[in-house]
Structures are given as structure tokens and as C-alpha cells.
Amino acid sequence: MTTSAQTGPLAGVRVIDMATVVMGPYAAQILGDLGADVIKIESPKDTVRFGTIHRTPGMTPLAMNVNRNKRSVALDLKDDDGAARARELIAGADILITNMRIKALRRLGLDYDSLAEDNPHLIYAHAQGFRPDSDRADLAAYDETVQAASGLVDLAQRAGDIGRPAVLPSIFGDKVSALTIAYSALAALVHQRATGQGQLVEVPMTDTMLAFNLVEHLQGRTYEPAMGVTGFTLSMNAGHRARPTKDGQAMIMPYTPQNFRDVFLAAGRPDLAEDPRIAGDFVDATAHGADLAALIESVTPALTTAEWIRVCSEKSIPVGPVLKLDEAAEDPYVQDGHLLDLAEHPTEGSYRRIGVPFRFSATPATIRLHPPQPGQDTDAVLDEIADHTLEGGAA
């Protein structure tokens, strides 16, 4: 059941979501799921609300999936009164999340230096494509360009042998950066609670994705001089893909020599279980990865997907069915864990709601508020400001 009562580990924390598209709003939604009171300052032209699929204008699938646990306030920041109201709201906040460009924020008096004067405990989380102090600071950046600039498009091309650069079919840059915004803001919140001091937190998308990609893919260039090329062998080799089964496909991923032997034995090929390349305690994926992948794929059609899942489960071999996205959403694991439930929206009717993927034993995260229509809470939130002002309290 959806309620407005704040619960969760961030109950009592106020967040202002002054961001567009996916990255900032998704980060703010995570904080809302954790219990924060999130107020979304938006214009009806917010690009995250664009789309042809909707029951009510502005309530597109993307908007529904990044705006729950928020209240929406419609303000025209280009108008003096709208910008002033935004500053009043921010003055009473713990965290501000924005991805507006620095020049625009300065023109509006909504940059960190201007706001910190009135609210020194403000955590100002600013995200954009490139570092604000770089020569690329003013360049427009979207997920596709960030994937390209961070090497992810190159990795996809090299691993898939597709012959031309291709963007991965998920907005990795936006979502990984959203997670980075969330944990960075929470770290700053710990400091704020201990000292009363806020700070500027910068999350450049390109830097974030490059650091994310290089964890495993820096490989031989980790050392100077280099001891090899970039690209994590295990992820880049031909064996890092689904295997054909008697009735479909399965992600059968033997890693240890015993894993390989068990796969060959289950497929009725004891001769391959004696292959010298899987002798000992280590499989050299760099030297033998492609050859072993070919051997595995030659034997996996011996069993059905269900049979392989049973065998691999018994032998502790990583395995999983290859589900289409629609099938994954209907998987019993997803349904039993309430990762995708039906809910009733007051204006949009029945809709599928993505669940909260993390759990807290003492301070459970909850979905308290449905995604709001643009500006639906404007009067109520602005009345709160007026009431606090009349009472002499902080807005």
C-alpha cells in the first residue's frame, strides 16, 4: 500500500531534485526510496516526460519509473519569481541534485556558491557530461556520447566483433552515474551530520564511466611499462556468451577445471574431461579460452536447458536460462520477490511498478508515493514554505 509517511534510513532528510532526463531523477528516486522527502522542481518541458506512450500527458513510462516517492513542484526558473521560490525550497534542504549547466545555474543564482551563502549545510550534487573545470565543460553530453568517450562502445565492438562501434542497448552512463550521485551524496550527508558542513559534490559522467570500465579493462596497461593490452580477457573472449542447448540457449559458464570436466561428463564426453588444457587447478583463459569455448559449445546441445540447469546446479557451475526481457519480468523469482508488481495510480490506473531492490532489517525502504503528475504538489509545497516563514522557522 502506498502511503505518504516517511520511513526508511533517510527519514527526515529533504532532497531537492532539480534535474532532468534520467541520471539526476533516478538518483533522487533512490534517496526517496530510502526515506528522504524528495521535492522535484520541474518545468512541463522536462525531457524525461517526453514520449508517445502515456495515458495522461507527461506521465510516460520513463517518468513513471524515475519519479516515485517524490512531490512535484512546477516552477519556471527563467522567471524571477520562480527562481526565488526555488531558492526558498533549497534553503530548507539537505541535498540538491541538478544536472543543469554551470553557466545557466550562475545566471539563475542557483549555483553552489550563491546557494551555500544562505544554506552552508547544503550538499550540492552536480552532475554533467564532463568536469566543470575542463575544456569540455560546456559540451552537450548524453548517454551515447559518454559510452563512446569512456571506451564502452569500443569494448562492445571488440567483444562482439560487430565491425562498427555500437552503443549498448541500455543507458549505462546515466544509471551508473545516478548510483554514483546517490552514494556520493550519502557520504557527504554523513559528514554534514557530524559537522553541520555541506559541500559541493561533482559527478562528471565521463569520468564516472571511465573509472567504472577500467576496473577490469585496464588490464595490462595497469603497469608501466605496459604488460599487455586493455580489455579483460574473460569478458572479451569468444566463450563469454550463451551456449546452444537441445531446445534453446543457456548461459553455462564453467570457470574452474572441475567445472569443465563436469560439463563434459554430463554431456557424455568423458574423453574431453581428460583434455590437458583443463588439468590442474587453473584454466588459462588467455591461452585456451577460444578453444575451450568451442569445445563447450560442441557438447551443450546434448541436453535441454532444464537438464543443464539441473546438472549445473548440482555441480555448482554458474548457469541461467537466456530469458527475453518480457520473460524475465514474469519469472517466478521476480514475482516472488515483488520486483515488479501491479499498483493503482490515482490518475493513471493500473501500472507495473518496479520494486525496491534492497532491503533493510531495521529501517525498511518503502514506496510511499506514486509518480506525480507535473506540478501536482506545487500549491501544497509552497504553502509549507509560507507556513514556516510565518512561524519564523527555516523554509
Protein backbone atom coordinates (compact mmCIF):
# COMPACT_ATOMS: atom_id res chain seq x y z
CA MET A 1 0.00 0.00 0.00
CA THR A 2 1.32 3.46 -0.88
CA THR A 3 1.45 5.95 1.99
CA SER A 4 2.94 9.40 2.44
CA ALA A 5 4.51 8.69 5.84
CA GLN A 6 8.30 8.88 5.77
CA THR A 7 10.08 5.69 6.69
CA GLY A 8 13.49 4.26 5.98
CA PRO A 9 17.03 5.23 6.97
CA LEU A 10 16.76 8.70 5.39
CA ALA A 11 13.51 9.71 7.09
CA GLY A 12 13.83 13.39 7.99
CA VAL A 13 16.22 14.21 5.14
CA ARG A 14 14.97 16.62 2.47
CA VAL A 15 16.19 16.35 -1.12
CA ILE A 16 15.53 18.76 -3.98
CA ASP A 17 15.53 17.11 -7.40
CA MET A 18 16.29 19.88 -9.89
CA ALA A 19 17.43 17.53 -12.64
CA THR A 20 16.17 16.33 -16.00
CA VAL A 21 16.20 13.19 -18.13
CA VAL A 22 17.24 10.06 -16.14
CA MET A 23 20.53 10.42 -14.25
CA GLY A 24 19.55 13.01 -11.62
CA PRO A 25 15.91 11.94 -11.22
CA TYR A 26 16.94 8.29 -10.79
CA ALA A 27 19.47 9.24 -8.10
CA ALA A 28 16.83 11.30 -6.30
CA GLN A 29 14.33 8.44 -6.52
CA ILE A 30 16.84 6.12 -4.82
CA LEU A 31 17.13 8.59 -1.95
CA GLY A 32 13.33 8.79 -1.86
CA ASP A 33 13.08 5.01 -1.64
CA LEU A 34 15.45 5.24 1.33
CA GLY A 35 13.00 7.52 3.09
CA ALA A 36 14.01 11.05 2.10
CA ASP A 37 11.38 13.71 1.41
CA VAL A 38 12.08 14.46 -2.26
CA ILE A 39 10.69 17.57 -3.91
CA LYS A 40 11.02 17.66 -7.67
CA ILE A 41 11.33 21.11 -9.20
CA GLU A 42 10.40 20.82 -12.84
CA SER A 43 9.09 22.51 -15.90
CA PRO A 44 6.36 20.94 -18.04
CA LYS A 45 9.07 20.75 -20.73
CA ASP A 46 11.18 18.33 -18.64
CA THR A 47 12.61 15.95 -21.26
CA VAL A 48 12.17 12.89 -19.05
CA ARG A 49 8.43 13.30 -19.56
CA PHE A 50 8.65 13.21 -23.35
CA GLY A 51 7.33 10.12 -25.11
CA THR A 52 4.48 8.84 -27.19
CA ILE A 53 3.25 6.22 -24.70
CA HIS A 54 1.10 7.68 -21.95
CA ARG A 55 -2.42 7.78 -20.57
CA THR A 56 -2.04 11.36 -19.39
CA PRO A 57 0.34 13.88 -20.99
CA GLY A 58 3.62 13.92 -19.12
CA MET A 59 3.12 10.52 -17.50
CA THR A 60 5.33 8.49 -19.82
CA PRO A 61 6.90 5.14 -18.87
CA LEU A 62 10.26 6.80 -18.23
CA ALA A 63 8.69 9.40 -15.96
CA MET A 64 6.78 6.70 -14.09
CA ASN A 65 9.99 4.77 -13.47
CA VAL A 66 12.21 7.55 -12.06
CA ASN A 67 9.79 9.78 -10.15
CA ARG A 68 8.11 7.76 -7.41
CA ASN A 69 8.44 8.85 -3.78
CA LYS A 70 8.55 12.49 -4.89
CA ARG A 71 6.37 15.57 -4.81
CA SER A 72 6.34 17.70 -7.94
CA VAL A 73 6.53 21.49 -7.95
CA ALA A 74 6.23 23.31 -11.28
CA LEU A 75 8.42 26.42 -11.40
CA ASP A 76 9.70 28.43 -14.33
CA LEU A 77 13.29 29.02 -13.27
CA LYS A 78 13.76 31.62 -16.01
CA ASP A 79 11.18 33.76 -14.23
CA ASP A 80 12.45 35.82 -11.28
CA ASP A 81 9.63 34.67 -9.02
CA GLY A 82 10.12 31.02 -10.00
CA ALA A 83 13.86 31.18 -9.30
CA ALA A 84 13.20 32.91 -5.96
CA ARG A 85 10.74 30.17 -4.95
CA ALA A 86 13.32 27.55 -5.91
CA ARG A 87 15.89 29.23 -3.68
CA GLU A 88 13.42 29.21 -0.81
CA LEU A 89 12.85 25.50 -1.23
CA ILE A 90 16.57 24.78 -1.46
CA ALA A 91 17.25 26.83 1.67
CA GLY A 92 15.48 24.17 3.74
CA ALA A 93 17.04 21.17 2.02
CA ASP A 94 19.86 18.84 2.93
CA ILE A 95 20.69 17.73 -0.61
CA LEU A 96 20.22 19.33 -4.03
CA ILE A 97 20.66 17.22 -7.18
CA THR A 98 20.99 19.02 -10.51
CA ASN A 99 22.45 18.44 -13.96
CA MET A 100 21.91 21.93 -15.32
CA ARG A 101 24.95 23.53 -16.92
CA ILE A 102 27.10 25.76 -14.74
CA LYS A 103 26.55 28.92 -16.80
CA ALA A 104 22.77 28.57 -16.60
CA LEU A 105 22.90 27.93 -12.85
CA ARG A 106 25.01 31.06 -12.32
CA ARG A 107 22.60 33.19 -14.36
CA LEU A 108 19.74 31.99 -12.17
CA GLY A 109 21.63 32.42 -8.90
CA LEU A 110 21.29 28.66 -8.35
CA ASP A 111 24.98 27.74 -8.45
CA TYR A 112 26.69 26.29 -5.39
CA ASP A 113 28.48 29.47 -4.28
CA SER A 114 25.27 31.50 -4.35
CA LEU A 115 23.16 28.93 -2.51
CA ALA A 116 25.79 28.00 0.08
CA GLU A 117 25.74 31.56 1.42
CA ASP A 118 22.19 31.05 2.72
CA ASN A 119 22.49 27.31 3.36
CA PRO A 120 26.05 26.38 4.40
CA HIS A 121 24.96 22.84 5.29
CA LEU A 122 23.66 22.19 1.75
CA ILE A 123 25.04 19.17 -0.11
CA TYR A 124 25.05 20.30 -3.73
CA ALA A 125 25.34 17.27 -6.04
CA HIS A 126 26.07 18.48 -9.54
CA ALA A 127 26.36 16.10 -12.49
CA GLN A 128 27.15 16.78 -16.12
CA GLY A 129 28.92 15.14 -19.03
CA PHE A 130 32.43 16.43 -18.36
CA ARG A 131 34.32 18.03 -15.47
CA PRO A 132 33.30 21.65 -14.93
CA ASP A 133 36.96 22.76 -14.93
CA SER A 134 37.79 21.04 -18.24
CA ASP A 135 37.80 22.44 -21.75
CA ARG A 136 34.80 20.19 -22.49
CA ALA A 137 32.67 21.54 -19.66
CA ASP A 138 30.13 23.24 -21.93
CA LEU A 139 29.71 20.37 -24.38
CA ALA A 140 26.31 18.71 -24.55
CA ALA A 141 26.55 15.12 -23.39
CA TYR A 142 24.13 12.22 -23.41
CA ASP A 143 24.47 8.54 -22.59
CA GLU A 144 25.53 7.61 -26.12
CA THR A 145 28.35 10.16 -26.22
CA VAL A 146 29.50 9.19 -22.73
CA GLN A 147 29.58 5.50 -23.68
CA ALA A 148 31.77 6.48 -26.63
CA ALA A 149 34.08 8.79 -24.65
CA SER A 150 34.58 6.24 -21.87
CA GLY A 151 35.61 3.36 -24.15
CA LEU A 152 32.43 1.34 -23.65
CA VAL A 153 31.44 1.49 -27.32
CA ASP A 154 34.91 0.25 -28.27
CA LEU A 155 34.64 -2.64 -25.79
CA ALA A 156 31.26 -3.64 -27.21
CA GLN A 157 32.68 -3.61 -30.71
CA ARG A 158 35.77 -5.65 -29.77
CA ALA A 159 33.85 -8.23 -27.74
CA GLY A 160 31.00 -8.61 -30.22
CA ASP A 161 33.07 -8.43 -33.39
CA ILE A 162 30.27 -6.37 -34.92
CA GLY A 163 32.52 -4.41 -37.23
CA ARG A 164 31.40 -0.94 -36.22
CA PRO A 165 31.02 1.00 -32.97
CA ALA A 166 27.68 0.41 -31.30
CA VAL A 167 26.05 1.79 -28.19
CA LEU A 168 24.95 -0.80 -25.65
CA PRO A 169 21.14 -1.02 -25.51
CA SER A 170 20.88 0.42 -22.01
CA ILE A 171 21.60 3.89 -20.69
CA PHE A 172 24.61 2.73 -18.68
CA GLY A 173 26.17 6.18 -18.37
CA ASP A 174 23.05 7.73 -16.87
CA LYS A 175 22.30 4.89 -14.48
CA VAL A 176 25.85 4.24 -13.26
CA SER A 177 26.27 7.99 -12.72
CA ALA A 178 22.94 8.04 -10.84
CA LEU A 179 24.24 5.40 -8.44
CA THR A 180 27.44 7.42 -8.04
CA ILE A 181 25.44 10.56 -7.25
CA ALA A 182 23.43 8.67 -4.65
CA TYR A 183 26.34 7.16 -2.75
CA SER A 184 28.41 10.36 -3.01
CA ALA A 185 25.55 12.43 -1.60
CA LEU A 186 25.07 9.92 1.22
CA ALA A 187 28.77 10.10 2.09
CA ALA A 188 28.53 13.90 2.19
CA LEU A 189 25.41 13.56 4.37
CA VAL A 190 27.40 11.59 6.96
CA HIS A 191 29.94 14.45 7.04
CA GLN A 192 27.15 17.03 7.23
CA ARG A 193 25.50 15.27 10.16
CA ALA A 194 28.82 15.13 12.01
CA THR A 195 29.98 18.70 11.33
CA GLY A 196 26.99 20.71 10.08
CA GLN A 197 29.01 21.48 6.95
CA GLY A 198 27.73 20.98 3.43
CA GLN A 199 29.82 20.77 0.30
CA LEU A 200 29.87 20.65 -3.48
CA VAL A 201 29.82 17.13 -4.91
CA GLU A 202 30.69 16.86 -8.60
CA VAL A 203 29.88 13.73 -10.62
CA PRO A 204 31.08 14.01 -14.24
CA MET A 205 29.51 11.23 -16.29
CA THR A 206 32.54 10.55 -18.47
CA ASP A 207 34.91 10.30 -15.51
CA THR A 208 32.45 8.05 -13.70
CA MET A 209 32.05 5.66 -16.62
CA LEU A 210 35.75 5.61 -17.44
CA ALA A 211 36.58 4.66 -13.83
CA PHE A 212 33.78 2.05 -13.94
CA ASN A 213 35.05 0.48 -17.18
CA LEU A 214 38.73 0.45 -16.20
CA VAL A 215 38.28 -1.65 -13.06
CA GLU A 216 38.76 -4.81 -15.12
CA HIS A 217 39.50 -3.49 -18.60
CA LEU A 218 42.69 -1.52 -17.85
CA GLN A 219 44.32 -4.98 -17.71
CA GLY A 220 47.95 -5.00 -18.94
CA ARG A 221 48.12 -1.22 -19.05
CA THR A 222 47.72 -1.18 -15.29
CA TYR A 223 51.51 -1.43 -15.22
CA GLU A 224 54.13 0.94 -16.63
CA PRO A 225 55.60 -0.13 -18.93
CA ALA A 226 52.51 -1.97 -20.11
CA MET A 227 52.45 -5.75 -19.75
CA GLY A 228 49.61 -6.21 -22.23
CA VAL A 229 46.67 -4.52 -23.91
CA THR A 230 43.43 -3.22 -22.48
CA GLY A 231 40.37 -5.43 -22.30
CA PHE A 232 39.56 -8.04 -19.66
CA THR A 233 40.25 -11.41 -21.27
CA LEU A 234 37.42 -13.26 -19.62
CA SER A 235 34.84 -10.72 -20.77
CA MET A 236 36.29 -10.25 -24.22
CA ASN A 237 36.84 -13.85 -25.31
CA ALA A 238 34.52 -15.88 -27.50
CA GLY A 239 33.35 -18.03 -24.61
CA HIS A 240 31.65 -15.18 -22.85
CA ARG A 241 28.25 -15.84 -24.40
CA ALA A 242 25.22 -18.13 -24.21
CA ARG A 243 25.56 -21.77 -25.28
CA PRO A 244 23.15 -23.70 -27.52
CA THR A 245 21.13 -26.43 -25.79
CA LYS A 246 18.90 -29.15 -27.20
CA ASP A 247 15.86 -26.84 -27.02
CA GLY A 248 17.22 -23.30 -26.81
CA GLN A 249 20.06 -21.47 -25.11
CA ALA A 250 21.53 -21.21 -21.62
CA MET A 251 24.30 -19.18 -20.03
CA ILE A 252 26.52 -22.10 -18.99
CA MET A 253 29.75 -20.66 -17.62
CA PRO A 254 32.33 -23.18 -16.40
CA TYR A 255 35.26 -21.39 -14.75
CA THR A 256 37.29 -23.99 -12.87
CA PRO A 257 38.88 -27.13 -14.32
CA GLN A 258 36.35 -29.22 -12.37
CA ASN A 259 33.52 -27.17 -13.89
CA PHE A 260 34.78 -28.02 -17.37
CA ARG A 261 35.18 -31.70 -16.51
CA ASP A 262 31.66 -31.88 -15.08
CA VAL A 263 30.17 -30.28 -18.20
CA PHE A 264 31.95 -32.75 -20.48
CA LEU A 265 30.95 -35.73 -18.33
CA ALA A 266 27.29 -34.61 -18.20
CA ALA A 267 27.28 -34.31 -21.99
CA GLY A 268 28.58 -37.88 -22.34
CA ARG A 269 32.09 -36.88 -23.42
CA PRO A 270 34.44 -38.36 -20.78
CA ASP A 271 37.26 -38.16 -23.35
CA LEU A 272 37.13 -34.36 -23.26
CA ALA A 273 37.21 -34.39 -19.47
CA GLU A 274 40.83 -35.58 -19.81
CA ASP A 275 41.86 -32.62 -22.00
CA PRO A 276 45.27 -31.36 -20.77
CA ARG A 277 44.13 -27.76 -21.06
CA ILE A 278 41.86 -28.24 -18.05
CA ALA A 279 44.34 -30.19 -15.97
CA GLY A 280 45.48 -28.81 -12.65
CA ASP A 281 43.79 -26.04 -10.66
CA PHE A 282 43.65 -23.21 -13.19
CA VAL A 283 42.18 -22.64 -16.64
CA ASP A 284 44.29 -20.29 -18.74
CA ALA A 285 41.52 -18.32 -20.46
CA THR A 286 44.08 -16.15 -22.23
CA ALA A 287 45.78 -19.07 -23.98
CA HIS A 288 42.92 -21.53 -24.32
CA GLY A 289 39.69 -19.55 -23.90
CA ALA A 290 38.56 -19.66 -27.53
CA ASP A 291 39.39 -23.35 -27.97
CA LEU A 292 37.63 -24.39 -24.76
CA ALA A 293 34.63 -22.25 -25.66
CA ALA A 294 34.32 -24.11 -28.95
CA LEU A 295 34.50 -27.46 -27.14
CA ILE A 296 31.83 -26.43 -24.65
CA GLU A 297 29.52 -25.25 -27.42
CA SER A 298 30.02 -28.54 -29.26
CA VAL A 299 28.66 -30.55 -26.33
CA THR A 300 25.93 -28.37 -24.79
CA PRO A 301 23.30 -29.37 -27.40
CA ALA A 302 23.34 -32.83 -25.78
CA LEU A 303 20.93 -31.69 -23.04
CA THR A 304 17.91 -29.42 -22.77
CA THR A 305 18.09 -26.10 -20.96
CA ALA A 306 16.21 -27.55 -17.99
CA GLU A 307 18.59 -30.51 -17.84
CA TRP A 308 21.62 -28.24 -17.90
CA ILE A 309 20.19 -26.08 -15.12
CA ARG A 310 19.70 -29.21 -13.01
CA VAL A 311 23.19 -30.57 -13.74
CA CYS A 312 24.93 -27.25 -13.23
CA SER A 313 23.04 -26.55 -10.01
CA GLU A 314 24.10 -29.92 -8.63
CA LYS A 315 27.74 -29.35 -9.62
CA SER A 316 27.95 -25.64 -8.62
CA ILE A 317 28.52 -24.48 -12.20
CA PRO A 318 27.21 -20.97 -12.93
CA VAL A 319 24.12 -21.32 -15.13
CA GLY A 320 21.00 -19.44 -16.11
CA PRO A 321 18.34 -19.55 -18.82
CA VAL A 322 18.51 -16.90 -21.52
CA LEU A 323 15.24 -15.08 -20.98
CA LYS A 324 13.72 -12.44 -23.20
CA LEU A 325 13.06 -9.22 -21.32
CA ASP A 326 9.32 -9.94 -21.21
CA GLU A 327 10.03 -13.42 -19.85
CA ALA A 328 12.43 -12.08 -17.23
CA ALA A 329 9.70 -9.78 -15.92
CA GLU A 330 7.38 -12.76 -15.49
CA ASP A 331 10.00 -15.05 -13.97
CA PRO A 332 8.87 -16.62 -10.64
CA TYR A 333 11.98 -15.19 -8.95
CA VAL A 334 10.91 -11.68 -9.95
CA GLN A 335 7.30 -12.24 -8.97
CA ASP A 336 8.09 -13.88 -5.63
CA GLY A 337 10.46 -11.04 -4.71
CA HIS A 338 7.92 -8.34 -5.71
CA LEU A 339 10.46 -6.80 -8.05
CA LEU A 340 7.64 -5.97 -10.43
CA ASP A 341 4.14 -5.55 -9.01
CA LEU A 342 0.86 -4.14 -10.20
CA ALA A 343 -0.22 -0.91 -8.48
CA GLU A 344 -3.13 1.50 -8.84
CA HIS A 345 -2.19 5.09 -9.69
CA PRO A 346 -4.82 7.72 -8.74
CA THR A 347 -4.82 9.17 -12.29
CA GLU A 348 -3.05 6.59 -14.47
CA GLY A 349 -4.89 3.49 -13.27
CA SER A 350 -3.23 0.09 -13.13
CA TYR A 351 0.50 0.07 -13.83
CA ARG A 352 3.56 -2.11 -13.28
CA ARG A 353 5.84 -0.74 -10.61
CA ILE A 354 9.50 -1.68 -10.27
CA GLY A 355 10.21 -2.77 -6.71
CA VAL A 356 12.89 -1.57 -4.32
CA PRO A 357 15.87 -3.91 -4.91
CA PHE A 358 17.50 -3.54 -1.49
CA ARG A 359 16.30 -4.48 2.00
CA PHE A 360 16.90 -3.08 5.48
CA SER A 361 16.07 -5.16 8.54
CA ALA A 362 15.53 -2.22 10.92
CA THR A 363 14.54 0.69 8.65
CA PRO A 364 12.77 -0.80 5.62
CA ALA A 365 12.68 1.17 2.41
CA THR A 366 9.16 1.73 1.07
CA ILE A 367 7.27 3.07 -1.92
CA ARG A 368 5.15 5.74 -0.29
CA LEU A 369 4.14 7.95 -3.20
CA HIS A 370 3.09 7.22 -6.76
CA PRO A 371 4.94 9.13 -9.51
CA PRO A 372 3.36 12.61 -9.51
CA GLN A 373 1.88 14.46 -12.42
CA PRO A 374 3.91 17.55 -13.36
CA GLY A 375 3.35 20.25 -10.75
CA GLN A 376 0.64 18.40 -8.85
CA ASP A 377 2.09 19.34 -5.45
CA THR A 378 3.02 22.95 -6.22
CA ASP A 379 0.41 24.62 -4.01
CA ALA A 380 0.89 22.26 -1.07
CA VAL A 381 4.67 22.59 -1.04
CA LEU A 382 4.68 26.36 -1.48
CA ASP A 383 2.13 26.63 1.34
CA GLU A 384 4.60 24.77 3.54
CA ILE A 385 7.20 27.43 2.79
CA ALA A 386 4.76 30.20 3.67
CA ASP A 387 3.77 28.50 6.92
CA HIS A 388 7.38 28.10 8.03
CA THR A 389 8.12 31.72 7.11
CA LEU A 390 5.18 32.97 9.16
CA GLU A 391 6.29 30.81 12.09
CA GLY A 392 9.79 32.25 11.85
CA GLY A 393 11.32 28.85 11.06
CA ALA A 394 13.54 27.74 8.24
CA ALA A 395 11.79 27.27 4.92
